[in-house]
Amino acid sequence: MNESEVSIQEELLEAKQKIFELEAATKTTLLPSQLLVIILVGPLFLSFTALGILICYKTLNNPATISPHIQNILLVFAIFSTPVTAAAATICSLMADELKARLGGKGFGDET
């Protein structure tokens, strides 16, 4: 084997190693804590969305039947909004931490 063939083989090995590293870096795994968050928070998001759809549907289709109860319904909706917002903020912060770790500690606005 001459020197150019050895050089090409070394480049191929380096390229394979880089591809392997990139595949490992982009691989997404679901941690048990993340699964637990999804299991606990998923029904909360679904019920919040279903309640909002139900309020809109009932109000638009038959406002006479819902008007006496609208204050109670909106109170429940307001009570639901606090934990849903807190859960969404927690999930977003976890995702931001994971992205920051993947980027090597750099944030989105960091230039150093």
C-alpha atoms as a PDB file:
ATOM      1  CA  MET A   1       0.000   0.000   0.000  1.00  0.00           C
ATOM      2  CA  ASN A   2       1.259   3.370  -0.857  1.00  0.00           C
ATOM      3  CA  GLU A   3       1.050   6.534   1.169  1.00  0.00           C
ATOM      4  CA  SER A   4      -2.089   7.906  -0.527  1.00  0.00           C
ATOM      5  CA  GLU A   5      -4.092   4.745   0.213  1.00  0.00           C
ATOM      6  CA  VAL A   6      -3.089   4.915   3.875  1.00  0.00           C
ATOM      7  CA  SER A   7      -4.099   8.581   3.963  1.00  0.00           C
ATOM      8  CA  ILE A   8      -7.478   7.812   2.422  1.00  0.00           C
ATOM      9  CA  GLN A   9      -8.085   4.983   4.906  1.00  0.00           C
ATOM     10  CA  GLU A  10      -7.211   7.262   7.809  1.00  0.00           C
ATOM     11  CA  GLU A  11      -9.620   9.901   6.492  1.00  0.00           C
ATOM     12  CA  LEU A  12     -12.345   7.281   6.171  1.00  0.00           C
ATOM     13  CA  LEU A  13     -11.774   6.114   9.745  1.00  0.00           C
ATOM     14  CA  GLU A  14     -11.907   9.713  10.983  1.00  0.00           C
ATOM     15  CA  ALA A  15     -15.096  10.322   9.001  1.00  0.00           C
ATOM     16  CA  LYS A  16     -16.695   7.164  10.444  1.00  0.00           C
ATOM     17  CA  GLN A  17     -15.726   8.253  13.940  1.00  0.00           C
ATOM     18  CA  LYS A  18     -17.232  11.729  13.407  1.00  0.00           C
ATOM     19  CA  ILE A  19     -20.441  10.205  12.030  1.00  0.00           C
ATOM     20  CA  PHE A  20     -20.637   7.903  15.062  1.00  0.00           C
ATOM     21  CA  GLU A  21     -20.109  10.841  17.436  1.00  0.00           C
ATOM     22  CA  LEU A  22     -22.764  12.922  15.662  1.00  0.00           C
ATOM     23  CA  GLU A  23     -25.257  10.068  15.782  1.00  0.00           C
ATOM     24  CA  ALA A  24     -24.584   9.620  19.494  1.00  0.00           C
ATOM     25  CA  ALA A  25     -24.989  13.355  20.106  1.00  0.00           C
ATOM     26  CA  THR A  26     -28.312  13.567  18.275  1.00  0.00           C
ATOM     27  CA  LYS A  27     -29.786  10.433  19.797  1.00  0.00           C
ATOM     28  CA  THR A  28     -32.671  11.286  22.097  1.00  0.00           C
ATOM     29  CA  THR A  29     -33.438   9.141  25.083  1.00  0.00           C
ATOM     30  CA  LEU A  30     -36.356   9.432  27.445  1.00  0.00           C
ATOM     31  CA  LEU A  31     -35.270   9.440  31.059  1.00  0.00           C
ATOM     32  CA  PRO A  32     -37.507   7.843  33.692  1.00  0.00           C
ATOM     33  CA  SER A  33     -38.082  11.230  35.319  1.00  0.00           C
ATOM     34  CA  GLN A  34     -39.195  12.689  31.981  1.00  0.00           C
ATOM     35  CA  LEU A  35     -41.590   9.775  31.469  1.00  0.00           C
ATOM     36  CA  LEU A  36     -43.014  10.371  34.926  1.00  0.00           C
ATOM     37  CA  VAL A  37     -43.517  14.064  34.140  1.00  0.00           C
ATOM     38  CA  ILE A  38     -45.328  13.147  30.914  1.00  0.00           C
ATOM     39  CA  ILE A  39     -47.547  10.623  32.697  1.00  0.00           C
ATOM     40  CA  LEU A  40     -48.433  13.043  35.481  1.00  0.00           C
ATOM     41  CA  VAL A  41     -48.759  16.235  33.440  1.00  0.00           C
ATOM     42  CA  GLY A  42     -50.291  14.782  30.254  1.00  0.00           C
ATOM     43  CA  PRO A  43     -53.783  14.325  31.691  1.00  0.00           C
ATOM     44  CA  LEU A  44     -53.614  17.819  33.174  1.00  0.00           C
ATOM     45  CA  PHE A  45     -52.920  19.325  29.742  1.00  0.00           C
ATOM     46  CA  LEU A  46     -55.626  17.197  28.133  1.00  0.00           C
ATOM     47  CA  SER A  47     -58.258  18.120  30.725  1.00  0.00           C
ATOM     48  CA  PHE A  48     -57.331  21.815  30.461  1.00  0.00           C
ATOM     49  CA  THR A  49     -57.703  21.682  26.682  1.00  0.00           C
ATOM     50  CA  ALA A  50     -60.939  19.690  26.868  1.00  0.00           C
ATOM     51  CA  LEU A  51     -62.402  22.152  29.361  1.00  0.00           C
ATOM     52  CA  GLY A  52     -61.537  25.084  27.089  1.00  0.00           C
ATOM     53  CA  ILE A  53     -63.079  23.371  24.062  1.00  0.00           C
ATOM     54  CA  LEU A  54     -66.193  22.494  26.069  1.00  0.00           C
ATOM     55  CA  ILE A  55     -66.612  26.084  27.272  1.00  0.00           C
ATOM     56  CA  CYS A  56     -66.292  27.449  23.740  1.00  0.00           C
ATOM     57  CA  TYR A  57     -68.627  24.822  22.259  1.00  0.00           C
ATOM     58  CA  LYS A  58     -71.359  25.222  24.859  1.00  0.00           C
ATOM     59  CA  THR A  59     -71.160  29.011  24.810  1.00  0.00           C
ATOM     60  CA  LEU A  60     -71.420  29.225  21.040  1.00  0.00           C
ATOM     61  CA  ASN A  61     -74.132  26.584  20.576  1.00  0.00           C
ATOM     62  CA  ASN A  62     -76.445  27.183  23.500  1.00  0.00           C
ATOM     63  CA  PRO A  63     -75.544  30.248  25.548  1.00  0.00           C
ATOM     64  CA  ALA A  64     -78.815  30.213  27.508  1.00  0.00           C
ATOM     65  CA  THR A  65     -77.968  26.964  29.290  1.00  0.00           C
ATOM     66  CA  ILE A  66     -74.423  27.937  30.186  1.00  0.00           C
ATOM     67  CA  SER A  67     -74.927  31.579  31.168  1.00  0.00           C
ATOM     68  CA  PRO A  68     -76.052  30.859  34.771  1.00  0.00           C
ATOM     69  CA  HIS A  69     -72.944  28.737  35.352  1.00  0.00           C
ATOM     70  CA  ILE A  70     -70.331  30.720  33.426  1.00  0.00           C
ATOM     71  CA  GLN A  71     -68.724  32.209  36.566  1.00  0.00           C
ATOM     72  CA  ASN A  72     -68.154  28.769  38.091  1.00  0.00           C
ATOM     73  CA  ILE A  73     -66.828  27.379  34.832  1.00  0.00           C
ATOM     74  CA  LEU A  74     -64.416  30.273  34.369  1.00  0.00           C
ATOM     75  CA  LEU A  75     -63.290  29.900  37.993  1.00  0.00           C
ATOM     76  CA  VAL A  76     -62.442  26.243  37.376  1.00  0.00           C
ATOM     77  CA  PHE A  77     -60.650  27.240  34.188  1.00  0.00           C
ATOM     78  CA  ALA A  78     -58.640  29.870  36.100  1.00  0.00           C
ATOM     79  CA  ILE A  79     -57.750  27.357  38.830  1.00  0.00           C
ATOM     80  CA  PHE A  80     -56.600  24.871  36.176  1.00  0.00           C
ATOM     81  CA  SER A  81     -54.445  27.473  34.446  1.00  0.00           C
ATOM     82  CA  THR A  82     -51.964  27.832  37.332  1.00  0.00           C
ATOM     83  CA  PRO A  83     -50.724  24.217  37.476  1.00  0.00           C
ATOM     84  CA  VAL A  84     -50.797  23.922  33.685  1.00  0.00           C
ATOM     85  CA  THR A  85     -48.630  27.023  33.337  1.00  0.00           C
ATOM     86  CA  ALA A  86     -46.245  25.802  36.043  1.00  0.00           C
ATOM     87  CA  ALA A  87     -45.953  22.399  34.380  1.00  0.00           C
ATOM     88  CA  ALA A  88     -45.322  23.972  30.980  1.00  0.00           C
ATOM     89  CA  ALA A  89     -42.608  26.195  32.487  1.00  0.00           C
ATOM     90  CA  THR A  90     -40.961  23.185  34.132  1.00  0.00           C
ATOM     91  CA  ILE A  91     -41.009  21.174  30.920  1.00  0.00           C
ATOM     92  CA  CYS A  92     -39.579  24.102  28.943  1.00  0.00           C
ATOM     93  CA  SER A  93     -36.789  24.611  31.471  1.00  0.00           C
ATOM     94  CA  LEU A  94     -35.905  20.903  31.349  1.00  0.00           C
ATOM     95  CA  MET A  95     -35.783  21.051  27.560  1.00  0.00           C
ATOM     96  CA  ALA A  96     -33.603  24.181  27.699  1.00  0.00           C
ATOM     97  CA  ASP A  97     -31.217  22.497  30.143  1.00  0.00           C
ATOM     98  CA  GLU A  98     -30.946  19.467  27.868  1.00  0.00           C
ATOM     99  CA  LEU A  99     -30.262  21.655  24.834  1.00  0.00           C
ATOM    100  CA  LYS A 100     -27.684  23.636  26.778  1.00  0.00           C
ATOM    101  CA  ALA A 101     -25.941  20.402  27.780  1.00  0.00           C
ATOM    102  CA  ARG A 102     -25.915  19.212  24.167  1.00  0.00           C
ATOM    103  CA  LEU A 103     -24.441  22.501  22.977  1.00  0.00           C
ATOM    104  CA  GLY A 104     -21.613  22.182  25.472  1.00  0.00           C
ATOM    105  CA  GLY A 105     -22.814  24.666  28.048  1.00  0.00           C
ATOM    106  CA  LYS A 106     -23.474  27.483  25.613  1.00  0.00           C
ATOM    107  CA  GLY A 107     -26.825  29.179  25.723  1.00  0.00           C
ATOM    108  CA  PHE A 108     -28.704  30.462  22.718  1.00  0.00           C
ATOM    109  CA  GLY A 109     -27.433  34.031  23.122  1.00  0.00           C
ATOM    110  CA  ASP A 110     -23.923  33.156  24.306  1.00  0.00           C
ATOM    111  CA  GLU A 111     -21.132  33.985  21.897  1.00  0.00           C
ATOM    112  CA  THR A 112     -18.203  32.649  23.908  1.00  0.00           C
END
